[in-house]
Amino acid sequence: MSTVTGTWCDRCGEAAAVGSHDGCAAARTLEPPRYCGHCRRRMKVQVLPVGWSAVCVEHGEIRG
């Protein structure tokens, strides 16, 4: 799963074009995104036994 979905890294919240996000990509295989990749807002994340959901107030919900 790619950690870079837009302008921002969805794990660390830093600019996607700056630096390597290999560590973020590795961590994202086991955990949900924490930041919206489009607007860099911190998302509300809920981890469930069957997966997770993350909600950005601007861009809506994603599930995994």
Protein backbone atom coordinates (compact mmCIF):
# COMPACT_ATOMS: atom_id res chain seq x y z
CA MET A 1 0.00 0.00 0.00
CA SER A 2 1.37 3.41 -0.92
CA THR A 3 1.76 5.88 1.88
CA VAL A 4 1.76 8.80 -0.54
CA THR A 5 -1.75 9.33 -1.91
CA GLY A 6 -1.58 13.04 -2.68
CA THR A 7 0.68 15.92 -1.76
CA TRP A 8 1.30 14.71 1.80
CA CYS A 9 2.43 11.42 3.36
CA ASP A 10 -0.59 9.80 5.05
CA ARG A 11 1.52 8.44 7.92
CA CYS A 12 3.92 11.22 8.97
CA GLY A 13 2.12 14.22 7.45
CA GLU A 14 5.26 15.59 5.77
CA ALA A 15 5.46 16.68 2.13
CA ALA A 16 5.47 13.66 -0.18
CA ALA A 17 8.13 15.15 -2.45
CA VAL A 18 10.61 15.68 0.41
CA GLY A 19 12.77 12.77 1.51
CA SER A 20 12.18 9.06 1.41
CA HIS A 21 9.01 7.64 2.89
CA ASP A 22 10.15 4.00 2.81
CA GLY A 23 9.77 3.71 6.59
CA CYS A 24 6.27 5.15 6.38
CA ALA A 25 5.31 2.70 3.63
CA ALA A 26 6.60 -0.22 5.72
CA ALA A 27 4.68 0.94 8.80
CA ARG A 28 1.48 1.46 6.78
CA THR A 29 1.30 -2.25 6.00
CA LEU A 30 0.37 -2.76 9.67
CA GLU A 31 -1.40 0.46 10.68
CA PRO A 32 -4.00 2.89 9.31
CA PRO A 33 -3.20 6.35 7.89
CA ARG A 34 -3.00 9.20 10.40
CA TYR A 35 -3.01 12.22 8.06
CA CYS A 36 -5.09 13.04 4.99
CA GLY A 37 -2.88 12.71 1.90
CA HIS A 38 -4.73 15.57 0.20
CA CYS A 39 -4.89 18.30 2.85
CA ARG A 40 -2.54 17.14 5.68
CA ARG A 41 -5.27 17.25 8.33
CA ARG A 42 -5.01 14.81 11.21
CA MET A 43 -7.74 12.19 10.72
CA LYS A 44 -10.02 10.54 13.24
CA VAL A 45 -8.96 6.87 13.16
CA GLN A 46 -10.88 3.92 14.55
CA VAL A 47 -9.33 0.45 14.62
CA LEU A 48 -11.81 -2.42 14.61
CA PRO A 49 -11.33 -6.20 14.81
CA VAL A 50 -12.19 -6.45 11.09
CA GLY A 51 -10.18 -3.44 9.83
CA TRP A 52 -10.01 0.31 10.33
CA SER A 53 -11.65 3.56 9.24
CA ALA A 54 -10.10 7.01 8.97
CA VAL A 55 -12.14 10.19 8.54
CA CYS A 56 -10.95 13.54 7.20
CA VAL A 57 -13.41 16.36 7.87
CA GLU A 58 -12.70 17.74 4.39
CA HIS A 59 -12.34 14.61 2.22
CA GLY A 60 -14.46 11.99 3.96
CA GLU A 61 -13.86 8.43 5.09
CA ILE A 62 -11.56 5.68 3.88
CA ARG A 63 -11.57 2.09 5.14
CA GLY A 64 -9.08 -0.69 5.18
